[in-house]
């Protein structure tokens, strides 16, 4: 309706729709995404998805992107000791680029 009247407006995400996104570095590309997701869920983390990060040439990185529900349980991801029995992993928020990404087509 506001769009039809050409009025400016802003919307906010509902609290239950907000997400916490982290990058887990150090997970070998050979470990299947489903196995990583199941391991995180077995640690009572509200994992929504798991995505393998890759280079523009489709070669996978040893890191995954994990969106979680923004809850107290979701924030516990920063305190976990291991994923898929691997220790010494780095868990951090993704880097926010200030400039738009580059097209590789």
PDB file of N, CA and C in Angstrom:
ATOM      1  N   UNK A   1       0.818  -1.181   0.000  1.00  0.00           N
ATOM      2  CA  UNK A   1       0.000   0.000   0.000  1.00  0.00           C
ATOM      3  C   UNK A   1       0.872   1.260   0.000  1.00  0.00           C
ATOM      4  N   UNK A   2       1.900   1.296   0.849  1.00  0.00           N
ATOM      5  CA  UNK A   2       2.790   2.453   0.866  1.00  0.00           C
ATOM      6  C   UNK A   2       3.540   2.592  -0.446  1.00  0.00           C
ATOM      7  N   UNK A   3       3.860   1.458  -1.046  1.00  0.00           N
ATOM      8  CA  UNK A   3       4.559   1.479  -2.322  1.00  0.00           C
ATOM      9  C   UNK A   3       3.666   2.085  -3.409  1.00  0.00           C
ATOM     10  N   UNK A   4       2.392   1.726  -3.401  1.00  0.00           N
ATOM     11  CA  UNK A   4       1.460   2.262  -4.399  1.00  0.00           C
ATOM     12  C   UNK A   4       1.302   3.773  -4.262  1.00  0.00           C
ATOM     13  N   UNK A   5       1.358   4.260  -3.026  1.00  0.00           N
ATOM     14  CA  UNK A   5       1.228   5.697  -2.788  1.00  0.00           C
ATOM     15  C   UNK A   5       2.569   6.420  -2.924  1.00  0.00           C
ATOM     16  N   UNK A   6       3.633   5.659  -3.228  1.00  0.00           N
ATOM     17  CA  UNK A   6       4.990   6.194  -3.418  1.00  0.00           C
ATOM     18  C   UNK A   6       5.480   6.952  -2.188  1.00  0.00           C
ATOM     19  N   UNK A   7       5.175   6.376  -1.013  1.00  0.00           N
ATOM     20  CA  UNK A   7       5.641   6.950   0.243  1.00  0.00           C
ATOM     21  C   UNK A   7       6.906   6.219   0.689  1.00  0.00           C
ATOM     22  N   UNK A   8       7.830   6.965   1.278  1.00  0.00           N
ATOM     23  CA  UNK A   8       9.034   6.329   1.805  1.00  0.00           C
ATOM     24  C   UNK A   8       8.694   5.654   3.129  1.00  0.00           C
ATOM     25  N   UNK A   9       9.331   4.505   3.369  1.00  0.00           N
ATOM     26  CA  UNK A   9       9.100   3.782   4.614  1.00  0.00           C
ATOM     27  C   UNK A   9      10.305   2.900   4.903  1.00  0.00           C
ATOM     28  N   UNK A  10      10.381   2.418   6.119  1.00  0.00           N
ATOM     29  CA  UNK A  10      11.458   1.516   6.534  1.00  0.00           C
ATOM     30  C   UNK A  10      10.842   0.407   7.378  1.00  0.00           C
ATOM     31  N   UNK A  11      11.329  -0.795   7.190  1.00  0.00           N
ATOM     32  CA  UNK A  11      10.822  -1.912   7.980  1.00  0.00           C
ATOM     33  C   UNK A  11      11.939  -2.480   8.842  1.00  0.00           C
ATOM     34  N   UNK A  12      11.570  -3.111   9.924  1.00  0.00           N
ATOM     35  CA  UNK A  12      12.510  -3.757  10.824  1.00  0.00           C
ATOM     36  C   UNK A  12      12.187  -5.242  10.880  1.00  0.00           C
ATOM     37  N   UNK A  13      13.219  -6.049  11.059  1.00  0.00           N
ATOM     38  CA  UNK A  13      13.010  -7.489  11.197  1.00  0.00           C
ATOM     39  C   UNK A  13      12.407  -7.774  12.569  1.00  0.00           C
ATOM     40  N   UNK A  14      11.503  -8.716  12.609  1.00  0.00           N
ATOM     41  CA  UNK A  14      10.951  -9.149  13.883  1.00  0.00           C
ATOM     42  C   UNK A  14      12.055  -9.829  14.684  1.00  0.00           C
ATOM     43  N   UNK A  15      12.011  -9.739  16.006  1.00  0.00           N
ATOM     44  CA  UNK A  15      13.076 -10.361  16.814  1.00  0.00           C
ATOM     45  C   UNK A  15      13.273 -11.846  16.513  1.00  0.00           C
ATOM     46  N   UNK A  16      12.199 -12.567  16.243  1.00  0.00           N
ATOM     47  CA  UNK A  16      12.333 -14.000  15.967  1.00  0.00           C
ATOM     48  C   UNK A  16      12.913 -14.282  14.582  1.00  0.00           C
ATOM     49  N   UNK A  17      12.976 -13.265  13.723  1.00  0.00           N
ATOM     50  CA  UNK A  17      13.537 -13.448  12.385  1.00  0.00           C
ATOM     51  C   UNK A  17      15.003 -13.036  12.297  1.00  0.00           C
ATOM     52  N   UNK A  18      15.533 -12.410  13.344  1.00  0.00           N
ATOM     53  CA  UNK A  18      16.916 -11.946  13.310  1.00  0.00           C
ATOM     54  C   UNK A  18      17.864 -13.132  13.414  1.00  0.00           C
ATOM     55  N   UNK A  19      19.032 -12.986  12.778  1.00  0.00           N
ATOM     56  CA  UNK A  19      20.000 -14.078  12.721  1.00  0.00           C
ATOM     57  C   UNK A  19      21.360 -13.632  13.241  1.00  0.00           C
ATOM     58  N   UNK A  20      22.093 -14.598  13.732  1.00  0.00           N
ATOM     59  CA  UNK A  20      23.497 -14.435  14.073  1.00  0.00           C
ATOM     60  C   UNK A  20      24.257 -15.253  13.045  1.00  0.00           C
ATOM     61  N   UNK A  21      25.198 -14.633  12.342  1.00  0.00           N
ATOM     62  CA  UNK A  21      25.960 -15.345  11.325  1.00  0.00           C
ATOM     63  C   UNK A  21      27.421 -15.381  11.739  1.00  0.00           C
ATOM     64  N   UNK A  22      28.027 -16.567  11.667  1.00  0.00           N
ATOM     65  CA  UNK A  22      29.440 -16.724  12.006  1.00  0.00           C
ATOM     66  C   UNK A  22      30.160 -17.461  10.890  1.00  0.00           C
ATOM     67  N   UNK A  23      31.480 -17.288  10.861  1.00  0.00           N
ATOM     68  CA  UNK A  23      32.345 -18.033   9.958  1.00  0.00           C
ATOM     69  C   UNK A  23      33.195 -18.950  10.826  1.00  0.00           C
ATOM     70  N   UNK A  24      33.225 -20.231  10.490  1.00  0.00           N
ATOM     71  CA  UNK A  24      34.086 -21.188  11.184  1.00  0.00           C
ATOM     72  C   UNK A  24      35.239 -21.499  10.244  1.00  0.00           C
ATOM     73  N   UNK A  25      36.445 -21.123  10.672  1.00  0.00           N
ATOM     74  CA  UNK A  25      37.640 -21.322   9.852  1.00  0.00           C
ATOM     75  C   UNK A  25      38.407 -22.540  10.352  1.00  0.00           C
ATOM     76  N   UNK A  26      38.966 -23.296   9.409  1.00  0.00           N
ATOM     77  CA  UNK A  26      39.783 -24.450   9.754  1.00  0.00           C
ATOM     78  C   UNK A  26      39.094 -25.782   9.554  1.00  0.00           C
ATOM     79  N   UNK A  27      37.883 -25.784   9.005  1.00  0.00           N
ATOM     80  CA  UNK A  27      37.168 -27.033   8.726  1.00  0.00           C
ATOM     81  C   UNK A  27      37.544 -27.513   7.327  1.00  0.00           C
ATOM     82  N   UNK A  28      38.241 -28.642   7.212  1.00  0.00           N
ATOM     83  CA  UNK A  28      38.664 -29.121   5.893  1.00  0.00           C
ATOM     84  C   UNK A  28      37.484 -29.273   4.934  1.00  0.00           C
ATOM     85  N   UNK A  29      37.746 -28.983   3.670  1.00  0.00           N
ATOM     86  CA  UNK A  29      36.709 -29.048   2.639  1.00  0.00           C
ATOM     87  C   UNK A  29      36.183 -30.466   2.453  1.00  0.00           C
ATOM     88  N   UNK A  30      36.928 -31.470   2.914  1.00  0.00           N
ATOM     89  CA  UNK A  30      36.510 -32.866   2.755  1.00  0.00           C
ATOM     90  C   UNK A  30      35.365 -33.248   3.693  1.00  0.00           C
ATOM     91  N   UNK A  31      35.126 -32.465   4.741  1.00  0.00           N
ATOM     92  CA  UNK A  31      34.041 -32.776   5.678  1.00  0.00           C
ATOM     93  C   UNK A  31      32.729 -32.306   5.064  1.00  0.00           C
ATOM     94  N   UNK A  32      31.753 -33.213   4.904  1.00  0.00           N
ATOM     95  CA  UNK A  32      30.466 -32.830   4.295  1.00  0.00           C
ATOM     96  C   UNK A  32      29.712 -31.800   5.143  1.00  0.00           C
ATOM     97  N   UNK A  33      29.008 -30.921   4.473  1.00  0.00           N
ATOM     98  CA  UNK A  33      28.220 -29.874   5.124  1.00  0.00           C
ATOM     99  C   UNK A  33      27.191 -30.479   6.083  1.00  0.00           C
ATOM    100  N   UNK A  34      26.536 -31.560   5.670  1.00  0.00           N
ATOM    101  CA  UNK A  34      25.519 -32.192   6.522  1.00  0.00           C
ATOM    102  C   UNK A  34      26.119 -32.687   7.827  1.00  0.00           C
ATOM    103  N   UNK A  35      27.342 -33.200   7.773  1.00  0.00           N
ATOM    104  CA  UNK A  35      28.014 -33.689   8.980  1.00  0.00           C
ATOM    105  C   UNK A  35      28.325 -32.526   9.930  1.00  0.00           C
ATOM    106  N   UNK A  36      28.743 -31.403   9.379  1.00  0.00           N
ATOM    107  CA  UNK A  36      29.023 -30.215  10.194  1.00  0.00           C
ATOM    108  C   UNK A  36      27.736 -29.725  10.854  1.00  0.00           C
ATOM    109  N   UNK A  37      26.658 -29.661  10.073  1.00  0.00           N
ATOM    110  CA  UNK A  37      25.373 -29.187  10.594  1.00  0.00           C
ATOM    111  C   UNK A  37      24.869 -30.094  11.714  1.00  0.00           C
ATOM    112  N   UNK A  38      24.950 -31.403  11.522  1.00  0.00           N
ATOM    113  CA  UNK A  38      24.495 -32.341  12.552  1.00  0.00           C
ATOM    114  C   UNK A  38      25.335 -32.228  13.819  1.00  0.00           C
ATOM    115  N   UNK A  39      26.647 -32.039  13.668  1.00  0.00           N
ATOM    116  CA  UNK A  39      27.510 -31.904  14.837  1.00  0.00           C
ATOM    117  C   UNK A  39      27.154 -30.648  15.632  1.00  0.00           C
ATOM    118  N   UNK A  40      26.925 -29.540  14.941  1.00  0.00           N
ATOM    119  CA  UNK A  40      26.556 -28.300  15.627  1.00  0.00           C
ATOM    120  C   UNK A  40      25.201 -28.439  16.321  1.00  0.00           C
ATOM    121  N   UNK A  41      24.250 -29.085  15.660  1.00  0.00           N
ATOM    122  CA  UNK A  41      22.934 -29.296  16.277  1.00  0.00           C
ATOM    123  C   UNK A  41      23.029 -30.217  17.491  1.00  0.00           C
ATOM    124  N   UNK A  42      23.940 -31.198  17.447  1.00  0.00           N
ATOM    125  CA  UNK A  42      24.108 -32.103  18.589  1.00  0.00           C
ATOM    126  C   UNK A  42      24.688 -31.364  19.798  1.00  0.00           C
ATOM    127  N   UNK A  43      25.268 -30.188  19.562  1.00  0.00           N
ATOM    128  CA  UNK A  43      25.782 -29.353  20.650  1.00  0.00           C
ATOM    129  C   UNK A  43      24.740 -28.320  21.085  1.00  0.00           C
ATOM    130  N   UNK A  44      23.476 -28.572  20.722  1.00  0.00           N
ATOM    131  CA  UNK A  44      22.326 -27.734  21.095  1.00  0.00           C
ATOM    132  C   UNK A  44      22.424 -26.305  20.572  1.00  0.00           C
ATOM    133  N   UNK A  45      22.970 -26.148  19.379  1.00  0.00           N
ATOM    134  CA  UNK A  45      23.035 -24.837  18.741  1.00  0.00           C
ATOM    135  C   UNK A  45      21.889 -24.721  17.729  1.00  0.00           C
ATOM    136  N   UNK A  46      21.178 -23.580  17.701  1.00  0.00           N
ATOM    137  CA  UNK A  46      20.044 -23.409  16.783  1.00  0.00           C
ATOM    138  C   UNK A  46      20.499 -23.066  15.360  1.00  0.00           C
ATOM    139  N   UNK A  47      21.149 -24.020  14.709  1.00  0.00           N
ATOM    140  CA  UNK A  47      21.702 -23.826  13.368  1.00  0.00           C
ATOM    141  C   UNK A  47      20.570 -23.795  12.349  1.00  0.00           C
ATOM    142  N   UNK A  48      20.568 -22.776  11.494  1.00  0.00           N
ATOM    143  CA  UNK A  48      19.569 -22.679  10.433  1.00  0.00           C
ATOM    144  C   UNK A  48      20.086 -23.300   9.140  1.00  0.00           C
ATOM    145  N   UNK A  49      21.354 -23.025   8.817  1.00  0.00           N
ATOM    146  CA  UNK A  49      21.958 -23.525   7.581  1.00  0.00           C
ATOM    147  C   UNK A  49      23.464 -23.613   7.782  1.00  0.00           C
ATOM    148  N   UNK A  50      24.143 -24.291   6.866  1.00  0.00           N
ATOM    149  CA  UNK A  50      25.604 -24.298   6.808  1.00  0.00           C
ATOM    150  C   UNK A  50      25.982 -24.212   5.336  1.00  0.00           C
ATOM    151  N   UNK A  51      26.873 -23.271   5.005  1.00  0.00           N
ATOM    152  CA  UNK A  51      27.305 -23.088   3.618  1.00  0.00           C
ATOM    153  C   UNK A  51      28.820 -23.155   3.542  1.00  0.00           C
ATOM    154  N   UNK A  52      29.345 -23.926   2.605  1.00  0.00           N
ATOM    155  CA  UNK A  52      30.789 -23.964   2.362  1.00  0.00           C
ATOM    156  C   UNK A  52      31.170 -22.709   1.581  1.00  0.00           C
ATOM    157  N   UNK A  53      32.184 -22.011   2.027  1.00  0.00           N
ATOM    158  CA  UNK A  53      32.666 -20.828   1.309  1.00  0.00           C
ATOM    159  C   UNK A  53      33.668 -21.281   0.258  1.00  0.00           C
ATOM    160  N   UNK A  54      33.698 -20.580  -0.878  1.00  0.00           N
ATOM    161  CA  UNK A  54      34.589 -20.984  -1.962  1.00  0.00           C
ATOM    162  C   UNK A  54      35.114 -19.771  -2.712  1.00  0.00           C
ATOM    163  N   UNK A  55      36.179 -20.003  -3.465  1.00  0.00           N
ATOM    164  CA  UNK A  55      36.790 -18.958  -4.284  1.00  0.00           C
ATOM    165  C   UNK A  55      35.924 -18.744  -5.519  1.00  0.00           C
ATOM    166  N   UNK A  56      36.163 -17.653  -6.255  1.00  0.00           N
ATOM    167  CA  UNK A  56      35.385 -17.424  -7.485  1.00  0.00           C
ATOM    168  C   UNK A  56      35.500 -18.569  -8.494  1.00  0.00           C
ATOM    169  N   UNK A  57      36.604 -19.334  -8.455  1.00  0.00           N
ATOM    170  CA  UNK A  57      36.754 -20.463  -9.382  1.00  0.00           C
ATOM    171  C   UNK A  57      36.109 -21.743  -8.837  1.00  0.00           C
ATOM    172  N   UNK A  58      35.308 -21.610  -7.784  1.00  0.00           N
ATOM    173  CA  UNK A  58      34.546 -22.700  -7.151  1.00  0.00           C
ATOM    174  C   UNK A  58      35.401 -23.644  -6.306  1.00  0.00           C
ATOM    175  N   UNK A  59      36.692 -23.351  -6.116  1.00  0.00           N
ATOM    176  CA  UNK A  59      37.526 -24.169  -5.237  1.00  0.00           C
ATOM    177  C   UNK A  59      37.149 -23.839  -3.790  1.00  0.00           C
ATOM    178  N   UNK A  60      36.802 -24.849  -2.971  1.00  0.00           N
ATOM    179  CA  UNK A  60      36.314 -24.572  -1.615  1.00  0.00           C
ATOM    180  C   UNK A  60      37.420 -24.117  -0.662  1.00  0.00           C
ATOM    181  N   UNK A  61      37.056 -23.197   0.225  1.00  0.00           N
ATOM    182  CA  UNK A  61      37.920 -22.776   1.322  1.00  0.00           C
ATOM    183  C   UNK A  61      37.744 -23.758   2.473  1.00  0.00           C
ATOM    184  N   UNK A  62      38.649 -23.700   3.436  1.00  0.00           N
ATOM    185  CA  UNK A  62      38.509 -24.496   4.654  1.00  0.00           C
ATOM    186  C   UNK A  62      37.714 -23.702   5.690  1.00  0.00           C
ATOM    187  N   UNK A  63      36.569 -23.160   5.267  1.00  0.00           N
ATOM    188  CA  UNK A  63      35.712 -22.418   6.181  1.00  0.00           C
ATOM    189  C   UNK A  63      34.259 -22.509   5.727  1.00  0.00           C
ATOM    190  N   UNK A  64      33.362 -22.375   6.715  1.00  0.00           N
ATOM    191  CA  UNK A  64      31.930 -22.430   6.433  1.00  0.00           C
ATOM    192  C   UNK A  64      31.242 -21.218   7.048  1.00  0.00           C
ATOM    193  N   UNK A  65      30.127 -20.832   6.449  1.00  0.00           N
ATOM    194  CA  UNK A  65      29.275 -19.753   6.931  1.00  0.00           C
ATOM    195  C   UNK A  65      28.073 -20.399   7.608  1.00  0.00           C
ATOM    196  N   UNK A  66      27.798 -19.991   8.857  1.00  0.00           N
ATOM    197  CA  UNK A  66      26.728 -20.622   9.633  1.00  0.00           C
ATOM    198  C   UNK A  66      25.772 -19.565  10.182  1.00  0.00           C
ATOM    199  N   UNK A  67      24.558 -19.438   9.626  1.00  0.00           N
ATOM    200  CA  UNK A  67      23.531 -18.598  10.243  1.00  0.00           C
ATOM    201  C   UNK A  67      22.823 -19.380  11.357  1.00  0.00           C
ATOM    202  N   UNK A  68      22.624 -18.707  12.498  1.00  0.00           N
ATOM    203  CA  UNK A  68      21.938 -19.304  13.646  1.00  0.00           C
ATOM    204  C   UNK A  68      20.830 -18.366  14.103  1.00  0.00           C
ATOM    205  N   UNK A  69      19.908 -18.896  14.881  1.00  0.00           N
ATOM    206  CA  UNK A  69      18.897 -18.048  15.514  1.00  0.00           C
ATOM    207  C   UNK A  69      19.603 -17.143  16.511  1.00  0.00           C
ATOM    208  N   UNK A  70      19.198 -15.885  16.557  1.00  0.00           N
ATOM    209  CA  UNK A  70      19.818 -14.925  17.467  1.00  0.00           C
ATOM    210  C   UNK A  70      19.192 -15.083  18.850  1.00  0.00           C
ATOM    211  N   UNK A  71      19.670 -16.100  19.574  1.00  0.00           N
ATOM    212  CA  UNK A  71      19.193 -16.410  20.916  1.00  0.00           C
ATOM    213  C   UNK A  71      20.405 -16.611  21.815  1.00  0.00           C
ATOM    214  N   UNK A  72      20.152 -16.795  23.096  1.00  0.00           N
ATOM    215  CA  UNK A  72      21.238 -17.081  24.037  1.00  0.00           C
ATOM    216  C   UNK A  72      21.959 -18.360  23.622  1.00  0.00           C
ATOM    217  N   UNK A  73      21.196 -19.369  23.185  1.00  0.00           N
ATOM    218  CA  UNK A  73      21.802 -20.629  22.744  1.00  0.00           C
ATOM    219  C   UNK A  73      22.653 -20.419  21.492  1.00  0.00           C
ATOM    220  N   UNK A  74      22.184 -19.569  20.578  1.00  0.00           N
ATOM    221  CA  UNK A  74      22.936 -19.294  19.363  1.00  0.00           C
ATOM    222  C   UNK A  74      24.271 -18.624  19.646  1.00  0.00           C
ATOM    223  N   UNK A  75      24.295 -17.733  20.628  1.00  0.00           N
ATOM    224  CA  UNK A  75      25.534 -17.031  20.977  1.00  0.00           C
ATOM    225  C   UNK A  75      26.566 -17.965  21.605  1.00  0.00           C
ATOM    226  N   UNK A  76      26.129 -19.131  22.050  1.00  0.00           N
ATOM    227  CA  UNK A  76      27.060 -20.108  22.629  1.00  0.00           C
ATOM    228  C   UNK A  76      28.025 -20.672  21.595  1.00  0.00           C
ATOM    229  N   UNK A  77      27.787 -20.430  20.307  1.00  0.00           N
ATOM    230  CA  UNK A  77      28.696 -20.940  19.278  1.00  0.00           C
ATOM    231  C   UNK A  77      30.106 -20.396  19.482  1.00  0.00           C
ATOM    232  N   UNK A  78      30.230 -19.213  20.083  1.00  0.00           N
ATOM    233  CA  UNK A  78      31.552 -18.641  20.319  1.00  0.00           C
ATOM    234  C   UNK A  78      32.296 -19.363  21.450  1.00  0.00           C
ATOM    235  N   UNK A  79      31.608 -20.226  22.198  1.00  0.00           N
ATOM    236  CA  UNK A  79      32.217 -20.932  23.324  1.00  0.00           C
ATOM    237  C   UNK A  79      32.457 -22.415  23.064  1.00  0.00           C
ATOM    238  N   UNK A  80      32.113 -22.925  21.890  1.00  0.00           N
ATOM    239  CA  UNK A  80      32.293 -24.355  21.653  1.00  0.00           C
ATOM    240  C   UNK A  80      33.776 -24.670  21.461  1.00  0.00           C
ATOM    241  N   UNK A  81      34.157 -25.866  21.883  1.00  0.00           N
ATOM    242  CA  UNK A  81      35.570 -26.267  21.832  1.00  0.00           C
ATOM    243  C   UNK A  81      35.931 -26.963  20.529  1.00  0.00           C
ATOM    244  N   UNK A  82      34.967 -27.685  19.941  1.00  0.00           N
ATOM    245  CA  UNK A  82      35.299 -28.447  18.733  1.00  0.00           C
ATOM    246  C   UNK A  82      34.086 -28.571  17.824  1.00  0.00           C
ATOM    247  N   UNK A  83      34.377 -28.858  16.562  1.00  0.00           N
ATOM    248  CA  UNK A  83      33.349 -29.174  15.567  1.00  0.00           C
ATOM    249  C   UNK A  83      33.851 -30.395  14.820  1.00  0.00           C
ATOM    250  N   UNK A  84      33.033 -31.425  14.746  1.00  0.00           N
ATOM    251  CA  UNK A  84      33.408 -32.678  14.077  1.00  0.00           C
ATOM    252  C   UNK A  84      34.730 -33.213  14.630  1.00  0.00           C
ATOM    253  N   UNK A  85      34.903 -33.124  15.938  1.00  0.00           N
ATOM    254  CA  UNK A  85      36.080 -33.624  16.656  1.00  0.00           C
ATOM    255  C   UNK A  85      37.367 -32.915  16.250  1.00  0.00           C
ATOM    256  N   UNK A  86      37.265 -31.716  15.705  1.00  0.00           N
ATOM    257  CA  UNK A  86      38.434 -30.905  15.359  1.00  0.00           C
ATOM    258  C   UNK A  86      38.535 -29.748  16.343  1.00  0.00           C
ATOM    259  N   UNK A  87      39.734 -29.536  16.876  1.00  0.00           N
ATOM    260  CA  UNK A  87      39.977 -28.466  17.829  1.00  0.00           C
ATOM    261  C   UNK A  87      40.812 -27.379  17.167  1.00  0.00           C
ATOM    262  N   UNK A  88      40.903 -26.220  17.800  1.00  0.00           N
ATOM    263  CA  UNK A  88      41.725 -25.135  17.280  1.00  0.00           C
ATOM    264  C   UNK A  88      41.094 -24.383  16.126  1.00  0.00           C
ATOM    265  N   UNK A  89      39.773 -24.465  16.003  1.00  0.00           N
ATOM    266  CA  UNK A  89      39.066 -23.748  14.942  1.00  0.00           C
ATOM    267  C   UNK A  89      38.858 -22.295  15.360  1.00  0.00           C
ATOM    268  N   UNK A  90      38.726 -21.418  14.387  1.00  0.00           N
ATOM    269  CA  UNK A  90      38.438 -20.012  14.647  1.00  0.00           C
ATOM    270  C   UNK A  90      36.978 -19.750  14.308  1.00  0.00           C
ATOM    271  N   UNK A  91      36.244 -19.179  15.266  1.00  0.00           N
ATOM    272  CA  UNK A  91      34.828 -18.851  15.061  1.00  0.00           C
ATOM    273  C   UNK A  91      34.683 -17.350  15.260  1.00  0.00           C
ATOM    274  N   UNK A  92      34.234 -16.655  14.209  1.00  0.00           N
ATOM    275  CA  UNK A  92      34.129 -15.196  14.268  1.00  0.00           C
ATOM    276  C   UNK A  92      33.011 -14.708  13.360  1.00  0.00           C
ATOM    277  N   UNK A  93      32.539 -13.475  13.594  1.00  0.00           N
ATOM    278  CA  UNK A  93      31.536 -12.902  12.684  1.00  0.00           C
ATOM    279  C   UNK A  93      32.155 -12.687  11.308  1.00  0.00           C
ATOM    280  N   UNK A  94      31.355 -12.722  10.246  1.00  0.00           N
ATOM    281  CA  UNK A  94      31.907 -12.468   8.908  1.00  0.00           C
ATOM    282  C   UNK A  94      32.364 -11.016   8.785  1.00  0.00           C
ATOM    283  N   UNK A  95      33.336 -10.796   7.912  1.00  0.00           N
ATOM    284  CA  UNK A  95      33.808  -9.436   7.660  1.00  0.00           C
ATOM    285  C   UNK A  95      32.757  -8.688   6.860  1.00  0.00           C
ATOM    286  N   UNK A  96      32.477  -7.468   7.258  1.00  0.00           N
ATOM    287  CA  UNK A  96      31.536  -6.628   6.509  1.00  0.00           C
ATOM    288  C   UNK A  96      32.332  -5.724   5.588  1.00  0.00           C
ATOM    289  N   UNK A  97      32.132  -5.871   4.312  1.00  0.00           N
ATOM    290  CA  UNK A  97      32.806  -5.022   3.336  1.00  0.00           C
ATOM    291  C   UNK A  97      32.051  -3.711   3.217  1.00  0.00           C
ATOM    292  N   UNK A  98      32.803  -2.635   3.188  1.00  0.00           N
ATOM    293  CA  UNK A  98      32.172  -1.329   3.008  1.00  0.00           C
ATOM    294  C   UNK A  98      31.900  -1.048   1.539  1.00  0.00           C
ATOM    295  N   UNK A  99      32.714  -1.624   0.669  1.00  0.00           N
ATOM    296  CA  UNK A  99      32.542  -1.424  -0.769  1.00  0.00           C
ATOM    297  C   UNK A  99      31.745  -2.587  -1.345  1.00  0.00           C
ATOM    298  N   UNK A 100      31.041  -2.374  -2.447  1.00  0.00           N
ATOM    299  CA  UNK A 100      30.310  -3.476  -3.075  1.00  0.00           C
ATOM    300  C   UNK A 100      31.278  -4.532  -3.601  1.00  0.00           C
ATOM    301  N   UNK A 101      30.820  -5.779  -3.670  1.00  0.00           N
ATOM    302  CA  UNK A 101      31.649  -6.871  -4.165  1.00  0.00           C
ATOM    303  C   UNK A 101      31.952  -6.733  -5.644  1.00  0.00           C
ATOM    304  N   UNK A 102      32.993  -7.425  -6.075  1.00  0.00           N
ATOM    305  CA  UNK A 102      33.405  -7.374  -7.473  1.00  0.00           C
ATOM    306  C   UNK A 102      32.730  -8.498  -8.238  1.00  0.00           C
ATOM    307  N   UNK A 103      32.271  -8.194  -9.436  1.00  0.00           N
ATOM    308  CA  UNK A 103      31.635  -9.194 -10.292  1.00  0.00           C
ATOM    309  C   UNK A 103      32.716 -10.004 -10.993  1.00  0.00           C
ATOM    310  N   UNK A 104      32.583 -11.322 -11.011  1.00  0.00           N
ATOM    311  CA  UNK A 104      33.570 -12.208 -11.631  1.00  0.00           C
ATOM    312  C   UNK A 104      32.988 -12.942 -12.824  1.00  0.00           C
ATOM    313  N   UNK A 105      32.104 -12.305 -13.596  1.00  0.00           N
ATOM    314  CA  UNK A 105      31.509 -13.018 -14.719  1.00  0.00           C
ATOM    315  C   UNK A 105      32.291 -12.864 -15.985  1.00  0.00           C
TER     316      UNK A 105
END
